[in-house]
PDB file of N, CA and C in Angstrom:
ATOM      1  N   MET A   1      24.733   8.659  25.919  1.00  0.00           N
ATOM      2  CA  MET A   1      24.002   7.538  26.421  1.00  0.00           C
ATOM      3  C   MET A   1      24.624   7.126  27.744  1.00  0.00           C
ATOM      4  N   ALA A   2      23.802   6.802  28.697  1.00  0.00           N
ATOM      5  CA  ALA A   2      24.287   6.425  30.031  1.00  0.00           C
ATOM      6  C   ALA A   2      24.660   4.951  30.044  1.00  0.00           C
ATOM      7  N   PHE A   3      25.780   4.659  30.620  1.00  0.00           N
ATOM      8  CA  PHE A   3      26.230   3.265  30.751  1.00  0.00           C
ATOM      9  C   PHE A   3      26.281   2.916  32.213  1.00  0.00           C
ATOM     10  N   PRO A   4      26.079   1.774  32.633  1.00  0.00           N
ATOM     11  CA  PRO A   4      25.513   0.640  31.901  1.00  0.00           C
ATOM     12  C   PRO A   4      23.996   0.728  31.881  1.00  0.00           C
ATOM     13  N   THR A   5      23.383   0.113  30.873  1.00  0.00           N
ATOM     14  CA  THR A   5      21.919   0.058  30.748  1.00  0.00           C
ATOM     15  C   THR A   5      21.478  -1.391  30.772  1.00  0.00           C
ATOM     16  N   SER A   6      20.172  -1.564  31.037  1.00  0.00           N
ATOM     17  CA  SER A   6      19.640  -2.923  31.068  1.00  0.00           C
ATOM     18  C   SER A   6      19.240  -3.401  29.680  1.00  0.00           C
ATOM     19  N   VAL A   7      19.354  -2.491  28.668  1.00  0.00           N
ATOM     20  CA  VAL A   7      18.982  -2.824  27.296  1.00  0.00           C
ATOM     21  C   VAL A   7      20.258  -3.071  26.505  1.00  0.00           C
ATOM     22  N   ASN A   8      20.173  -3.985  25.585  1.00  0.00           N
ATOM     23  CA  ASN A   8      21.307  -4.305  24.732  1.00  0.00           C
ATOM     24  C   ASN A   8      21.738  -3.059  23.953  1.00  0.00           C
ATOM     25  N   ASN A   9      23.026  -2.829  23.818  1.00  0.00           N
ATOM     26  CA  ASN A   9      23.546  -1.660  23.118  1.00  0.00           C
ATOM     27  C   ASN A   9      23.139  -1.639  21.648  1.00  0.00           C
ATOM     28  N   GLN A  10      23.020  -2.779  21.026  1.00  0.00           N
ATOM     29  CA  GLN A  10      22.625  -2.828  19.619  1.00  0.00           C
ATOM     30  C   GLN A  10      21.195  -2.319  19.432  1.00  0.00           C
ATOM     31  N   ILE A  11      20.331  -2.616  20.407  1.00  0.00           N
ATOM     32  CA  ILE A  11      18.942  -2.142  20.326  1.00  0.00           C
ATOM     33  C   ILE A  11      18.892  -0.632  20.477  1.00  0.00           C
ATOM     34  N   THR A  12      19.603  -0.106  21.451  1.00  0.00           N
ATOM     35  CA  THR A  12      19.593   1.357  21.634  1.00  0.00           C
ATOM     36  C   THR A  12      20.207   2.047  20.431  1.00  0.00           C
ATOM     37  N   ASP A  13      21.248   1.482  19.843  1.00  0.00           N
ATOM     38  CA  ASP A  13      21.855   2.076  18.654  1.00  0.00           C
ATOM     39  C   ASP A  13      20.891   2.067  17.470  1.00  0.00           C
ATOM     40  N   SER A  14      20.180   0.961  17.275  1.00  0.00           N
ATOM     41  CA  SER A  14      19.250   0.894  16.145  1.00  0.00           C
ATOM     42  C   SER A  14      18.094   1.865  16.321  1.00  0.00           C
ATOM     43  N   VAL A  15      17.596   2.001  17.554  1.00  0.00           N
ATOM     44  CA  VAL A  15      16.514   2.962  17.816  1.00  0.00           C
ATOM     45  C   VAL A  15      17.013   4.375  17.581  1.00  0.00           C
ATOM     46  N   THR A  16      18.199   4.673  18.014  1.00  0.00           N
ATOM     47  CA  THR A  16      18.775   6.000  17.814  1.00  0.00           C
ATOM     48  C   THR A  16      18.967   6.283  16.332  1.00  0.00           C
ATOM     49  N   GLN A  17      19.449   5.296  15.581  1.00  0.00           N
ATOM     50  CA  GLN A  17      19.653   5.486  14.150  1.00  0.00           C
ATOM     51  C   GLN A  17      18.338   5.716  13.415  1.00  0.00           C
ATOM     52  N   VAL A  18      17.307   5.016  13.825  1.00  0.00           N
ATOM     53  CA  VAL A  18      15.994   5.220  13.202  1.00  0.00           C
ATOM     54  C   VAL A  18      15.495   6.631  13.488  1.00  0.00           C
ATOM     55  N   GLY A  19      15.672   7.091  14.720  1.00  0.00           N
ATOM     56  CA  GLY A  19      15.250   8.446  15.068  1.00  0.00           C
ATOM     57  C   GLY A  19      16.000   9.497  14.270  1.00  0.00           C
ATOM     58  N   VAL A  20      17.300   9.316  14.133  1.00  0.00           N
ATOM     59  CA  VAL A  20      18.109  10.267  13.365  1.00  0.00           C
ATOM     60  C   VAL A  20      17.731  10.222  11.890  1.00  0.00           C
ATOM     61  N   THR A  21      17.498   9.026  11.386  1.00  0.00           N
ATOM     62  CA  THR A  21      17.091   8.889   9.984  1.00  0.00           C
ATOM     63  C   THR A  21      15.757   9.590   9.738  1.00  0.00           C
ATOM     64  N   MET A  22      14.822   9.429  10.651  1.00  0.00           N
ATOM     65  CA  MET A  22      13.513  10.085  10.496  1.00  0.00           C
ATOM     66  C   MET A  22      13.658  11.598  10.517  1.00  0.00           C
ATOM     67  N   LEU A  23      14.495  12.108  11.399  1.00  0.00           N
ATOM     68  CA  LEU A  23      14.708  13.555  11.448  1.00  0.00           C
ATOM     69  C   LEU A  23      15.396  14.041  10.178  1.00  0.00           C
ATOM     70  N   GLY A  24      16.325  13.254   9.675  1.00  0.00           N
ATOM     71  CA  GLY A  24      17.022  13.641   8.461  1.00  0.00           C
ATOM     72  C   GLY A  24      16.134  13.602   7.231  1.00  0.00           C
ATOM     73  N   ASN A  25      15.225  12.662   7.191  1.00  0.00           N
ATOM     74  CA  ASN A  25      14.344  12.524   6.020  1.00  0.00           C
ATOM     75  C   ASN A  25      13.101  13.401   6.092  1.00  0.00           C
ATOM     76  N   ALA A  26      12.810  13.959   7.237  1.00  0.00           N
ATOM     77  CA  ALA A  26      11.551  14.704   7.405  1.00  0.00           C
ATOM     78  C   ALA A  26      11.453  15.875   6.442  1.00  0.00           C
ATOM     79  N   SER A  27      12.536  16.629   6.267  1.00  0.00           N
ATOM     80  CA  SER A  27      12.462  17.791   5.383  1.00  0.00           C
ATOM     81  C   SER A  27      12.283  17.356   3.925  1.00  0.00           C
ATOM     82  N   ALA A  28      12.961  16.281   3.519  1.00  0.00           N
ATOM     83  CA  ALA A  28      12.805  15.794   2.146  1.00  0.00           C
ATOM     84  C   ALA A  28      11.393  15.278   1.909  1.00  0.00           C
ATOM     85  N   ILE A  29      10.842  14.580   2.861  1.00  0.00           N
ATOM     86  CA  ILE A  29       9.474  14.073   2.726  1.00  0.00           C
ATOM     87  C   ILE A  29       8.482  15.232   2.679  1.00  0.00           C
ATOM     88  N   ALA A  30       8.711  16.240   3.509  1.00  0.00           N
ATOM     89  CA  ALA A  30       7.819  17.407   3.508  1.00  0.00           C
ATOM     90  C   ALA A  30       7.860  18.126   2.166  1.00  0.00           C
ATOM     91  N   MET A  31       9.049  18.288   1.608  1.00  0.00           N
ATOM     92  CA  MET A  31       9.148  18.945   0.307  1.00  0.00           C
ATOM     93  C   MET A  31       8.495  18.092  -0.787  1.00  0.00           C
ATOM     94  N   GLY A  32       8.669  16.774  -0.707  1.00  0.00           N
ATOM     95  CA  GLY A  32       8.011  15.892  -1.669  1.00  0.00           C
ATOM     96  C   GLY A  32       6.502  16.014  -1.595  1.00  0.00           C
ATOM     97  N   ASN A  33       5.974  16.077  -0.385  1.00  0.00           N
ATOM     98  CA  ASN A  33       4.528  16.257  -0.211  1.00  0.00           C
ATOM     99  C   ASN A  33       4.067  17.602  -0.758  1.00  0.00           C
ATOM    100  N   LEU A  34       4.870  18.640  -0.531  1.00  0.00           N
ATOM    101  CA  LEU A  34       4.529  19.965  -1.046  1.00  0.00           C
ATOM    102  C   LEU A  34       4.509  19.957  -2.567  1.00  0.00           C
ATOM    103  N   TYR A  35       5.533  19.366  -3.180  1.00  0.00           N
ATOM    104  CA  TYR A  35       5.579  19.306  -4.639  1.00  0.00           C
ATOM    105  C   TYR A  35       4.403  18.512  -5.198  1.00  0.00           C
ATOM    106  N   GLN A  36       4.057  17.437  -4.553  1.00  0.00           N
ATOM    107  CA  GLN A  36       2.934  16.617  -5.015  1.00  0.00           C
ATOM    108  C   GLN A  36       1.618  17.379  -4.911  1.00  0.00           C
ATOM    109  N   ALA A  37       1.422  18.071  -3.799  1.00  0.00           N
ATOM    110  CA  ALA A  37       0.188  18.848  -3.620  1.00  0.00           C
ATOM    111  C   ALA A  37       0.120  19.990  -4.626  1.00  0.00           C
ATOM    112  N   THR A  38       1.249  20.639  -4.877  1.00  0.00           N
ATOM    113  CA  THR A  38       1.278  21.734  -5.851  1.00  0.00           C
ATOM    114  C   THR A  38       0.984  21.220  -7.253  1.00  0.00           C
ATOM    115  N   ALA A  39       1.573  20.090  -7.605  1.00  0.00           N
ATOM    116  CA  ALA A  39       1.319  19.511  -8.926  1.00  0.00           C
ATOM    117  C   ALA A  39      -0.153  19.144  -9.081  1.00  0.00           C
ATOM    118  N   GLN A  40      -0.747  18.602  -8.047  1.00  0.00           N
ATOM    119  CA  GLN A  40      -2.170  18.241  -8.102  1.00  0.00           C
ATOM    120  C   GLN A  40      -3.038  19.487  -8.263  1.00  0.00           C
ATOM    121  N   ALA A  41      -2.712  20.545  -7.529  1.00  0.00           N
ATOM    122  CA  ALA A  41      -3.495  21.779  -7.631  1.00  0.00           C
ATOM    123  C   ALA A  41      -3.383  22.388  -9.027  1.00  0.00           C
ATOM    124  N   LEU A  42      -2.176  22.391  -9.584  1.00  0.00           N
ATOM    125  CA  LEU A  42      -2.001  22.943 -10.928  1.00  0.00           C
ATOM    126  C   LEU A  42      -2.719  22.093 -11.973  1.00  0.00           C
ATOM    127  N   ALA A  43      -2.693  20.796 -11.807  1.00  0.00           N
ATOM    128  CA  ALA A  43      -3.410  19.925 -12.742  1.00  0.00           C
ATOM    129  C   ALA A  43      -4.914  20.176 -12.667  1.00  0.00           C
ATOM    130  N   ASN A  44      -5.434  20.360 -11.464  1.00  0.00           N
ATOM    131  CA  ASN A  44      -6.865  20.672 -11.308  1.00  0.00           C
ATOM    132  C   ASN A  44      -7.201  22.011 -11.952  1.00  0.00           C
ATOM    133  N   ALA A  45      -6.330  22.989 -11.786  1.00  0.00           N
ATOM    134  CA  ALA A  45      -6.575  24.299 -12.396  1.00  0.00           C
ATOM    135  C   ALA A  45      -6.579  24.207 -13.916  1.00  0.00           C
ATOM    136  N   ALA A  46      -5.644  23.462 -14.474  1.00  0.00           N
ATOM    137  CA  ALA A  46      -5.594  23.294 -15.930  1.00  0.00           C
ATOM    138  C   ALA A  46      -6.833  22.555 -16.432  1.00  0.00           C
ATOM    139  N   HIS A  47      -7.255  21.556 -15.699  1.00  0.00           N
ATOM    140  CA  HIS A  47      -8.456  20.810 -16.097  1.00  0.00           C
ATOM    141  C   HIS A  47      -9.691  21.702 -16.034  1.00  0.00           C
ATOM    142  N   ASN A  48      -9.813  22.484 -14.975  1.00  0.00           N
ATOM    143  CA  ASN A  48     -10.962  23.387 -14.850  1.00  0.00           C
ATOM    144  C   ASN A  48     -10.969  24.425 -15.974  1.00  0.00           C
ATOM    145  N   ALA A  49      -9.798  24.925 -16.339  1.00  0.00           N
ATOM    146  CA  ALA A  49      -9.728  25.901 -17.433  1.00  0.00           C
ATOM    147  C   ALA A  49     -10.151  25.265 -18.754  1.00  0.00           C
ATOM    148  N   THR A  50      -9.730  24.044 -18.977  1.00  0.00           N
ATOM    149  CA  THR A  50     -10.102  23.340 -20.208  1.00  0.00           C
ATOM    150  C   THR A  50     -11.604  23.106 -20.270  1.00  0.00           C
ATOM    151  N   VAL A  51     -12.184  22.676 -19.174  1.00  0.00           N
ATOM    152  CA  VAL A  51     -13.630  22.432 -19.144  1.00  0.00           C
ATOM    153  C   VAL A  51     -14.402  23.728 -19.351  1.00  0.00           C
ATOM    154  N   ALA A  52     -13.945  24.814 -18.737  1.00  0.00           N
ATOM    155  CA  ALA A  52     -14.619  26.103 -18.907  1.00  0.00           C
ATOM    156  C   ALA A  52     -14.550  26.569 -20.358  1.00  0.00           C
ATOM    157  N   GLN A  53     -13.399  26.374 -20.989  1.00  0.00           N
ATOM    158  CA  GLN A  53     -13.263  26.760 -22.393  1.00  0.00           C
ATOM    159  C   GLN A  53     -14.175  25.923 -23.278  1.00  0.00           C
ATOM    160  N   GLN A  54     -14.263  24.640 -23.011  1.00  0.00           N
ATOM    161  CA  GLN A  54     -15.144  23.781 -23.798  1.00  0.00           C
ATOM    162  C   GLN A  54     -16.606  24.206 -23.640  1.00  0.00           C
ATOM    163  N   GLN A  55     -17.002  24.516 -22.418  1.00  0.00           N
ATOM    164  CA  GLN A  55     -18.386  24.934 -22.187  1.00  0.00           C
ATOM    165  C   GLN A  55     -18.680  26.263 -22.872  1.00  0.00           C
ATOM    166  N   THR A  56     -17.700  27.170 -22.872  1.00  0.00           N
ATOM    167  CA  THR A  56     -17.880  28.447 -23.559  1.00  0.00           C
ATOM    168  C   THR A  56     -18.052  28.231 -25.058  1.00  0.00           C
ATOM    169  N   ASN A  57     -17.260  27.328 -25.616  1.00  0.00           N
ATOM    170  CA  ASN A  57     -17.377  27.044 -27.045  1.00  0.00           C
ATOM    171  C   ASN A  57     -18.732  26.422 -27.382  1.00  0.00           C
ATOM    172  N   VAL A  58     -19.229  25.559 -26.521  1.00  0.00           N
ATOM    173  CA  VAL A  58     -20.546  24.958 -26.748  1.00  0.00           C
ATOM    174  C   VAL A  58     -21.630  26.032 -26.709  1.00  0.00           C
ATOM    175  N   MET A  59     -21.525  26.954 -25.749  1.00  0.00           N
ATOM    176  CA  MET A  59     -22.524  28.024 -25.655  1.00  0.00           C
ATOM    177  C   MET A  59     -22.466  28.947 -26.870  1.00  0.00           C
ATOM    178  N   ALA A  60     -21.258  29.258 -27.335  1.00  0.00           N
ATOM    179  CA  ALA A  60     -21.127  30.117 -28.513  1.00  0.00           C
ATOM    180  C   ALA A  60     -21.697  29.430 -29.746  1.00  0.00           C
ATOM    181  N   GLN A  61     -21.448  28.149 -29.883  1.00  0.00           N
ATOM    182  CA  GLN A  61     -21.992  27.411 -31.022  1.00  0.00           C
ATOM    183  C   GLN A  61     -23.515  27.346 -30.960  1.00  0.00           C
ATOM    184  N   ALA A  62     -24.057  27.159 -29.766  1.00  0.00           N
ATOM    185  CA  ALA A  62     -25.518  27.125 -29.623  1.00  0.00           C
ATOM    186  C   ALA A  62     -26.131  28.482 -29.956  1.00  0.00           C
ATOM    187  N   ALA A  63     -25.494  29.557 -29.508  1.00  0.00           N
ATOM    188  CA  ALA A  63     -26.012  30.892 -29.811  1.00  0.00           C
ATOM    189  C   ALA A  63     -25.959  31.172 -31.307  1.00  0.00           C
ATOM    190  N   THR A  64     -24.870  30.768 -31.960  1.00  0.00           N
ATOM    191  CA  THR A  64     -24.752  30.962 -33.406  1.00  0.00           C
ATOM    192  C   THR A  64     -25.811  30.162 -34.151  1.00  0.00           C
ATOM    193  N   THR A  65     -26.029  28.939 -33.724  1.00  0.00           N
ATOM    194  CA  THR A  65     -27.040  28.095 -34.364  1.00  0.00           C
ATOM    195  C   THR A  65     -28.428  28.704 -34.209  1.00  0.00           C
ATOM    196  N   MET A  66     -28.720  29.213 -33.031  1.00  0.00           N
ATOM    197  CA  MET A  66     -30.038  29.845 -32.826  1.00  0.00           C
ATOM    198  C   MET A  66     -30.180  31.108 -33.669  1.00  0.00           C
ATOM    199  N   GLY A  67     -29.117  31.885 -33.759  1.00  0.00           N
ATOM    200  CA  GLY A  67     -29.175  33.091 -34.584  1.00  0.00           C
ATOM    201  C   GLY A  67     -29.414  32.771 -36.040  1.00  0.00           C
ATOM    202  N   VAL A  68     -28.720  31.773 -36.561  1.00  0.00           N
ATOM    203  CA  VAL A  68     -28.909  31.371 -37.958  1.00  0.00           C
ATOM    204  C   VAL A  68     -30.310  30.815 -38.157  1.00  0.00           C
ATOM    205  N   ALA A  69     -30.803  30.041 -37.215  1.00  0.00           N
ATOM    206  CA  ALA A  69     -32.155  29.496 -37.332  1.00  0.00           C
ATOM    207  C   ALA A  69     -33.193  30.607 -37.367  1.00  0.00           C
ATOM    208  N   ILE A  70     -32.982  31.634 -36.561  1.00  0.00           N
ATOM    209  CA  ILE A  70     -33.924  32.769 -36.566  1.00  0.00           C
ATOM    210  C   ILE A  70     -33.865  33.497 -37.904  1.00  0.00           C
ATOM    211  N   LEU A  71     -32.650  33.688 -38.415  1.00  0.00           N
ATOM    212  CA  LEU A  71     -32.527  34.379 -39.701  1.00  0.00           C
ATOM    213  C   LEU A  71     -33.202  33.590 -40.822  1.00  0.00           C
ATOM    214  N   TYR A  72     -33.040  32.276 -40.810  1.00  0.00           N
ATOM    215  CA  TYR A  72     -33.672  31.454 -41.843  1.00  0.00           C
ATOM    216  C   TYR A  72     -35.181  31.382 -41.680  1.00  0.00           C
ATOM    217  N   SER A  73     -35.673  31.592 -40.483  1.00  0.00           N
ATOM    218  CA  SER A  73     -37.112  31.478 -40.270  1.00  0.00           C
ATOM    219  C   SER A  73     -37.860  32.769 -40.596  1.00  0.00           C
ATOM    220  N   LEU A  74     -37.154  33.851 -40.829  1.00  0.00           N
ATOM    221  CA  LEU A  74     -37.830  35.116 -41.149  1.00  0.00           C
ATOM    222  C   LEU A  74     -38.421  35.056 -42.559  1.00  0.00           C
ATOM    223  N   ASN A  75     -39.563  35.658 -42.700  1.00  0.00           N
ATOM    224  CA  ASN A  75     -40.198  35.749 -44.017  1.00  0.00           C
ATOM    225  C   ASN A  75     -39.664  37.006 -44.685  1.00  0.00           C
ATOM    226  N   THR A  76     -38.655  36.833 -45.516  1.00  0.00           N
ATOM    227  CA  THR A  76     -37.983  38.001 -46.095  1.00  0.00           C
ATOM    228  C   THR A  76     -38.845  38.727 -47.125  1.00  0.00           C
ATOM    229  N   ARG A  77     -39.681  38.005 -47.847  1.00  0.00           N
ATOM    230  CA  ARG A  77     -40.528  38.673 -48.857  1.00  0.00           C
ATOM    231  C   ARG A  77     -41.526  39.606 -48.185  1.00  0.00           C
ATOM    232  N   ALA A  78     -42.137  39.126 -47.106  1.00  0.00           N
ATOM    233  CA  ALA A  78     -43.107  39.969 -46.399  1.00  0.00           C
ATOM    234  C   ALA A  78     -42.399  41.167 -45.764  1.00  0.00           C
ATOM    235  N   THR A  79     -41.220  40.945 -45.259  1.00  0.00           N
ATOM    236  CA  THR A  79     -40.469  42.046 -44.649  1.00  0.00           C
ATOM    237  C   THR A  79     -40.094  43.078 -45.701  1.00  0.00           C
ATOM    238  N   GLY A  80     -39.656  42.612 -46.874  1.00  0.00           N
ATOM    239  CA  GLY A  80     -39.301  43.543 -47.953  1.00  0.00           C
ATOM    240  C   GLY A  80     -40.507  44.341 -48.431  1.00  0.00           C
ATOM    241  N   THR A  81     -41.647  43.682 -48.578  1.00  0.00           N
ATOM    242  CA  THR A  81     -42.864  44.365 -49.011  1.00  0.00           C
ATOM    243  C   THR A  81     -43.293  45.416 -47.996  1.00  0.00           C
ATOM    244  N   ALA A  82     -43.245  45.048 -46.718  1.00  0.00           N
ATOM    245  CA  ALA A  82     -43.625  46.010 -45.676  1.00  0.00           C
ATOM    246  C   ALA A  82     -42.657  47.188 -45.651  1.00  0.00           C
ATOM    247  N   THR A  83     -41.394  46.910 -45.866  1.00  0.00           N
ATOM    248  CA  THR A  83     -40.394  47.993 -45.873  1.00  0.00           C
ATOM    249  C   THR A  83     -40.655  48.935 -47.043  1.00  0.00           C
ATOM    250  N   LYS A  84     -40.975  48.407 -48.204  1.00  0.00           N
ATOM    251  CA  LYS A  84     -41.272  49.254 -49.371  1.00  0.00           C
ATOM    252  C   LYS A  84     -42.489  50.137 -49.094  1.00  0.00           C
ATOM    253  N   LYS A  85     -43.529  49.554 -48.505  1.00  0.00           N
ATOM    254  CA  LYS A  85     -44.736  50.340 -48.217  1.00  0.00           C
ATOM    255  C   LYS A  85     -44.426  51.448 -47.236  1.00  0.00           C
ATOM    256  N   ILE A  86     -43.580  51.149 -46.257  1.00  0.00           N
ATOM    257  CA  ILE A  86     -43.241  52.189 -45.287  1.00  0.00           C
ATOM    258  C   ILE A  86     -42.435  53.292 -45.944  1.00  0.00           C
ATOM    259  N   GLN A  87     -41.509  52.923 -46.822  1.00  0.00           N
ATOM    260  CA  GLN A  87     -40.675  53.932 -47.481  1.00  0.00           C
ATOM    261  C   GLN A  87     -41.475  54.791 -48.452  1.00  0.00           C
ATOM    262  N   LYS A  88     -42.533  54.254 -49.066  1.00  0.00           N
ATOM    263  CA  LYS A  88     -43.350  55.034 -50.009  1.00  0.00           C
ATOM    264  C   LYS A  88     -44.210  56.041 -49.269  1.00  0.00           C
ATOM    265  N   SER A  89     -44.484  55.828 -48.013  1.00  0.00           N
ATOM    266  CA  SER A  89     -45.367  56.733 -47.290  1.00  0.00           C
ATOM    267  C   SER A  89     -44.720  58.063 -47.006  1.00  0.00           C
TER     268      SER A  89
END
């Protein structure tokens, strides 16, 4: 620092200390931001995986329900009679 200056030495010292503190904390703040962003991305990925699994389970349940409904709606007596007639031919 050049002497003498027209600014009070305490002011220049405090400004210098703030600058040094900011430079010293910059890497820690950057790493904190990186960790926070990574945690957010991983949480979003886990949430998306959970939602996809739930939707898959809903689709599988709907397909099973439709399959069972179709099986119950078939006229088994008519199908059996037709099958017997075909086999006798």
